[in-house]
Amino acid sequence: MKPSVSVIIPVLNNCFQLKENLTALRCQTYPSDKIEIIVVDNGSDEDISECVRDFPVTLLFRTDLESPYAARNTGYAAASGEIIAFTDSNKTPTEEWVSEGVRALLQNSADLAGGEILFSLSESAAAAEVFDAAFFNNNRTLVTNEAAAVTGNLFIRREVMEDVGTFPDNFRSGMDVWWTRKAVSKGYKLVFAEQAVVRCRPRKFASLMKKSVRVGKSHPYIRKQAGDSLATLFATIIRTFAPPGFFWLRKKIKATGTYGFGFFLKLWMVAWAYKCCLGYGRIKGLRLITGS
């Protein structure tokens, strides 16, 4: 008998892409009576109830704290599935997404499965979009090399969440990586589900820089939990502002395409802006954990 699956989607003012997501979820190959979809509005200005009214979803609200992890925790508290599946409102799952995510868990006797996240890059994609596709949401690398995964595409057995607990909700980025590492450190098995695919559009420059600040803000908390001293954290922050190396950047973006020198120079400038925003976020995060 197939296990029941609760799909949890936090949303904040993203009605158009949320509809694309829900349309894709309505076409899943997995039995529809085994799928529960929970959308959690995290304080949208848009009328999310109007966005979801044509779809078989449960709409919840979490407006006291603007954090996708707070929204995910609210969704999890209401979920009834044996497997909890997380994705985002800006992701579009393939029709085999749920089936392949569940299969990865069952066939590998795994406890968590991070699925593939593919970016839809056009031929005219800007440098910031190419950089975003190369650097963020890379579950393949996270699962394979870092024993972690992101909630843009993540399947978790319910008993694992019951044991590990909910996500820290005082950050807006990075806590999924922290949480999955914690689960793996407790002995739970994480696998990469290559065929459980979601697609998304890359961020433009302004959105990418905001994301970089959010990610940086979570780093001091994560590293402190791992045992780093304040001196080590401070040294890491200082190094963050250094210009990126050309070979480092070339290695990172080689999977997304081959680019001429002019475009690569733009990528390098985006990469440095990213590092500066990351460093700024890390300063904010350091102040948060030290209370200064």
Protein backbone atom coordinates (compact mmCIF):
# COMPACT_ATOMS: atom_id res chain seq x y z
CA MET A 1 0.00 0.00 0.00
CA LYS A 2 1.35 3.42 -0.94
CA PRO A 3 2.08 5.80 1.94
CA SER A 4 0.12 9.02 2.25
CA VAL A 5 1.98 12.24 1.42
CA SER A 6 1.43 15.76 2.76
CA VAL A 7 2.82 18.44 0.44
CA ILE A 8 3.54 21.70 2.29
CA ILE A 9 3.98 24.96 0.38
CA PRO A 10 4.72 28.30 2.08
CA VAL A 11 3.74 31.36 0.04
CA LEU A 12 4.25 35.10 0.24
CA ASN A 13 2.80 37.20 -2.60
CA ASN A 14 3.46 34.77 -5.42
CA CYS A 15 0.01 33.94 -6.71
CA PHE A 16 0.87 33.37 -10.38
CA GLN A 17 3.64 30.84 -9.73
CA LEU A 18 1.65 29.23 -6.93
CA LYS A 19 -1.09 28.46 -9.46
CA GLU A 20 1.51 26.84 -11.74
CA ASN A 21 2.70 24.75 -8.81
CA LEU A 22 -0.80 23.63 -7.84
CA THR A 23 -1.71 22.86 -11.44
CA ALA A 24 1.30 20.55 -11.62
CA LEU A 25 0.40 18.91 -8.32
CA ARG A 26 -3.10 18.24 -9.61
CA CYS A 27 -1.56 16.18 -12.44
CA GLN A 28 0.65 13.89 -10.34
CA THR A 29 0.95 10.22 -11.25
CA TYR A 30 0.76 9.35 -7.55
CA PRO A 31 -2.77 8.43 -6.38
CA SER A 32 -4.62 11.67 -5.68
CA ASP A 33 -6.37 10.20 -2.64
CA LYS A 34 -2.93 9.71 -1.08
CA ILE A 35 -1.85 13.34 -1.54
CA GLU A 36 -2.74 16.14 0.86
CA ILE A 37 -1.73 19.66 -0.21
CA ILE A 38 -1.29 22.35 2.44
CA VAL A 39 -0.62 25.96 1.43
CA VAL A 40 0.49 28.30 4.21
CA ASP A 41 0.13 32.04 3.61
CA ASN A 42 2.97 33.81 5.41
CA GLY A 43 1.39 37.27 5.33
CA SER A 44 0.70 38.00 1.67
CA ASP A 45 -0.75 41.26 0.43
CA GLU A 46 -2.36 39.27 -2.37
CA ASP A 47 -5.56 37.32 -1.74
CA ILE A 48 -4.12 33.81 -1.61
CA SER A 49 -7.55 32.31 -0.93
CA GLU A 50 -8.58 33.52 -4.39
CA CYS A 51 -5.44 31.93 -5.87
CA VAL A 52 -6.17 28.47 -4.46
CA ARG A 53 -9.96 28.34 -4.64
CA ASP A 54 -9.95 26.11 -7.75
CA PHE A 55 -7.55 23.56 -6.25
CA PRO A 56 -8.01 20.79 -3.67
CA VAL A 57 -5.85 22.36 -0.97
CA THR A 58 -5.99 23.25 2.69
CA LEU A 59 -5.13 26.93 3.16
CA LEU A 60 -3.59 27.97 6.46
CA PHE A 61 -2.18 31.29 7.68
CA ARG A 62 0.96 32.17 9.63
CA THR A 63 1.19 35.95 9.81
CA ASP A 64 2.87 36.66 13.14
CA LEU A 65 6.37 35.88 11.83
CA GLU A 66 7.60 36.39 8.26
CA SER A 67 9.62 33.23 7.80
CA PRO A 68 9.03 30.34 5.39
CA TYR A 69 10.18 28.00 8.15
CA ALA A 70 7.48 29.29 10.47
CA ALA A 71 5.00 28.65 7.65
CA ARG A 72 6.39 25.14 7.07
CA ASN A 73 6.11 24.39 10.78
CA THR A 74 2.47 25.50 10.71
CA GLY A 75 1.82 23.24 7.72
CA TYR A 76 3.56 20.30 9.36
CA ALA A 77 1.47 20.71 12.52
CA ALA A 78 -1.69 20.25 10.43
CA ALA A 79 -0.34 17.51 8.14
CA SER A 80 -1.61 13.94 8.33
CA GLY A 81 0.68 12.24 5.80
CA GLU A 82 3.13 9.45 6.53
CA ILE A 83 5.60 11.33 4.36
CA ILE A 84 6.05 15.11 4.49
CA ALA A 85 7.04 16.69 1.17
CA PHE A 86 8.27 20.28 1.02
CA THR A 87 8.48 22.54 -1.99
CA ASP A 88 8.12 26.27 -2.67
CA SER A 89 5.50 28.32 -4.45
CA ASN A 90 8.03 29.28 -7.15
CA LYS A 91 8.76 25.63 -8.02
CA THR A 92 6.87 23.58 -10.62
CA PRO A 93 6.99 19.82 -10.00
CA THR A 94 7.03 17.32 -12.83
CA GLU A 95 4.06 14.95 -12.86
CA GLU A 96 6.19 12.11 -11.41
CA TRP A 97 7.53 14.28 -8.56
CA VAL A 98 5.64 12.70 -5.67
CA SER A 99 5.97 9.16 -7.08
CA GLU A 100 9.73 9.50 -7.53
CA GLY A 101 10.26 11.13 -4.15
CA VAL A 102 8.42 8.35 -2.38
CA ARG A 103 10.22 5.73 -4.48
CA ALA A 104 13.60 7.15 -3.49
CA LEU A 105 12.69 6.76 0.18
CA LEU A 106 11.25 3.26 -0.09
CA GLN A 107 13.76 1.66 -2.47
CA ASN A 108 16.76 3.03 -0.57
CA SER A 109 15.29 2.43 2.90
CA ALA A 110 15.98 6.12 3.41
CA ASP A 111 14.56 8.60 5.87
CA LEU A 112 15.00 11.77 3.80
CA ALA A 113 15.28 12.42 0.06
CA GLY A 114 16.38 15.65 -1.56
CA GLY A 115 15.10 15.92 -5.13
CA GLU A 116 16.53 17.56 -8.23
CA ILE A 117 15.95 21.30 -8.70
CA LEU A 118 16.39 22.47 -12.29
CA PHE A 119 16.43 26.08 -13.42
CA SER A 120 14.71 27.22 -16.61
CA LEU A 121 17.37 29.43 -18.20
CA SER A 122 16.58 31.24 -21.44
CA GLU A 123 19.22 31.98 -24.08
CA SER A 124 19.01 35.65 -23.08
CA ALA A 125 19.42 34.98 -19.35
CA ALA A 126 21.16 37.77 -17.45
CA ALA A 127 24.36 37.19 -15.50
CA ALA A 128 22.50 37.24 -12.17
CA GLU A 129 20.11 34.53 -13.40
CA VAL A 130 22.99 32.31 -14.52
CA PHE A 131 24.73 32.83 -11.19
CA ASP A 132 21.56 31.96 -9.28
CA ALA A 133 21.14 28.75 -11.27
CA ALA A 134 24.73 27.74 -10.54
CA PHE A 135 24.89 28.57 -6.84
CA PHE A 136 21.53 28.12 -5.14
CA ASN A 137 19.20 25.17 -4.55
CA ASN A 138 21.77 22.57 -5.65
CA ASN A 139 20.39 19.52 -3.89
CA ARG A 140 22.64 17.17 -5.84
CA THR A 141 25.79 18.76 -4.40
CA LEU A 142 24.30 19.27 -0.97
CA VAL A 143 23.18 15.66 -0.59
CA THR A 144 26.30 14.16 -2.14
CA ASN A 145 28.96 16.33 -0.49
CA GLU A 146 27.44 18.06 2.51
CA ALA A 147 24.87 15.65 4.00
CA ALA A 148 22.16 18.30 3.62
CA ALA A 149 19.25 19.34 1.41
CA VAL A 150 16.89 22.26 0.85
CA THR A 151 13.15 22.41 1.33
CA GLY A 152 12.59 23.50 -2.26
CA ASN A 153 12.43 19.75 -2.94
CA LEU A 154 12.54 17.53 0.12
CA PHE A 155 10.75 14.36 1.27
CA ILE A 156 10.88 13.34 4.95
CA ARG A 157 9.36 10.40 6.79
CA ARG A 158 6.99 11.71 9.42
CA GLU A 159 8.73 9.93 12.28
CA VAL A 160 11.96 11.74 11.44
CA MET A 161 10.33 15.13 11.91
CA GLU A 162 8.71 13.92 15.11
CA ASP A 163 12.16 13.03 16.43
CA VAL A 164 14.29 15.90 15.09
CA GLY A 165 11.64 18.57 15.67
CA THR A 166 10.49 21.56 13.65
CA PHE A 167 12.63 24.12 11.80
CA PRO A 168 14.09 27.10 13.67
CA ASP A 169 11.80 29.88 12.54
CA ASN A 170 13.75 33.04 13.39
CA PHE A 171 15.61 32.98 10.04
CA ARG A 172 14.34 33.16 6.46
CA SER A 173 17.07 31.11 4.78
CA GLY A 174 19.51 28.34 5.60
CA MET A 175 17.58 26.46 8.27
CA ASP A 176 16.66 23.61 5.93
CA VAL A 177 20.37 22.89 5.41
CA TRP A 178 20.95 23.10 9.17
CA TRP A 179 17.95 20.86 9.92
CA THR A 180 18.81 18.12 7.42
CA ARG A 181 22.42 18.03 8.65
CA LYS A 182 21.08 17.64 12.16
CA ALA A 183 18.87 14.75 11.04
CA VAL A 184 21.81 13.02 9.33
CA SER A 185 23.98 13.53 12.42
CA LYS A 186 21.32 11.67 14.42
CA GLY A 187 21.75 8.67 12.13
CA TYR A 188 18.96 9.19 9.60
CA LYS A 189 19.69 8.28 5.97
CA LEU A 190 19.53 11.02 3.32
CA VAL A 191 19.55 10.18 -0.40
CA PHE A 192 19.40 12.15 -3.63
CA ALA A 193 16.21 11.59 -5.64
CA GLU A 194 17.37 12.44 -9.15
CA GLN A 195 14.03 11.69 -10.82
CA ALA A 196 11.96 13.72 -8.33
CA VAL A 197 12.28 16.97 -10.27
CA VAL A 198 10.97 20.48 -9.71
CA ARG A 199 11.72 23.40 -12.01
CA CYS A 200 12.01 27.07 -11.19
CA ARG A 201 12.89 30.40 -12.73
CA PRO A 202 16.18 31.97 -11.61
CA ARG A 203 16.20 35.20 -9.62
CA LYS A 204 17.02 38.57 -11.09
CA PHE A 205 19.76 40.73 -9.58
CA ALA A 206 17.85 42.55 -6.81
CA SER A 207 16.11 39.38 -5.65
CA LEU A 208 19.41 37.48 -5.75
CA MET A 209 21.13 40.04 -3.53
CA LYS A 210 18.28 39.93 -1.00
CA LYS A 211 18.57 36.14 -0.96
CA SER A 212 22.32 36.42 -0.37
CA VAL A 213 21.78 38.62 2.69
CA ARG A 214 19.21 36.18 4.09
CA VAL A 215 21.54 33.21 3.55
CA GLY A 216 24.46 35.04 5.14
CA LYS A 217 22.39 35.97 8.17
CA SER A 218 21.89 32.29 9.03
CA HIS A 219 25.55 31.29 8.69
CA PRO A 220 26.86 32.47 12.12
CA TYR A 221 24.06 30.56 13.86
CA ILE A 222 24.80 27.42 11.86
CA ARG A 223 28.56 27.65 12.41
CA LYS A 224 28.18 28.41 16.11
CA GLN A 225 26.01 25.30 16.47
CA ALA A 226 28.82 23.38 14.75
CA GLY A 227 31.30 24.61 17.37
CA ASP A 228 33.04 27.55 15.67
CA SER A 229 34.37 30.25 17.99
CA LEU A 230 33.46 33.91 17.62
CA ALA A 231 37.02 34.60 16.43
CA THR A 232 36.61 32.02 13.66
CA LEU A 233 33.26 33.48 12.69
CA PHE A 234 34.71 36.98 12.55
CA ALA A 235 37.63 35.84 10.38
CA THR A 236 35.21 34.09 8.04
CA ILE A 237 33.18 37.28 7.66
CA ILE A 238 36.29 39.30 6.79
CA ARG A 239 37.29 36.79 4.10
CA THR A 240 33.80 36.89 2.62
CA PHE A 241 34.35 40.39 1.23
CA ALA A 242 37.42 39.39 -0.82
CA PRO A 243 36.92 39.41 -4.61
CA PRO A 244 35.98 36.00 -6.03
CA GLY A 245 38.62 33.99 -7.85
CA PHE A 246 38.20 33.53 -11.60
CA PHE A 247 38.97 29.82 -11.52
CA TRP A 248 36.57 29.28 -8.60
CA LEU A 249 33.80 31.03 -10.52
CA ARG A 250 34.57 29.20 -13.77
CA LYS A 251 34.32 25.86 -11.98
CA LYS A 252 31.03 26.79 -10.37
CA ILE A 253 29.25 27.87 -13.53
CA LYS A 254 30.61 25.34 -16.01
CA ALA A 255 27.52 23.14 -15.63
CA THR A 256 25.20 25.97 -16.75
CA GLY A 257 26.91 26.75 -20.07
CA THR A 258 29.92 28.26 -21.83
CA TYR A 259 30.18 32.05 -21.89
CA GLY A 260 32.41 34.63 -23.57
CA PHE A 261 34.78 36.89 -21.66
CA GLY A 262 32.40 39.85 -21.57
CA PHE A 263 29.57 37.85 -20.06
CA PHE A 264 31.95 36.08 -17.71
CA LEU A 265 33.15 39.48 -16.45
CA LYS A 266 29.53 40.34 -15.66
CA LEU A 267 29.24 37.04 -13.81
CA TRP A 268 32.35 37.90 -11.82
CA MET A 269 30.84 41.26 -10.83
CA VAL A 270 27.62 39.54 -9.77
CA ALA A 271 29.67 37.03 -7.78
CA TRP A 272 31.48 39.82 -5.91
CA ALA A 273 28.20 41.61 -5.21
CA TYR A 274 26.86 38.28 -3.94
CA LYS A 275 29.85 37.87 -1.61
CA CYS A 276 29.46 41.42 -0.28
CA CYS A 277 25.76 40.87 0.42
CA LEU A 278 26.58 37.51 1.98
CA GLY A 279 29.15 39.19 4.21
CA TYR A 280 26.67 41.88 5.21
CA GLY A 281 24.17 39.19 6.10
CA ARG A 282 26.81 37.38 8.15
CA ILE A 283 27.50 40.57 10.11
CA LYS A 284 23.78 40.84 10.87
CA GLY A 285 23.72 37.18 11.89
CA LEU A 286 26.76 37.59 14.14
CA ARG A 287 25.12 40.53 15.88
CA LEU A 288 22.00 38.42 16.34
CA ILE A 289 23.78 35.55 18.11
CA THR A 290 25.94 37.85 20.25
CA GLY A 291 23.07 40.16 21.20
CA SER A 292 25.03 43.23 20.17
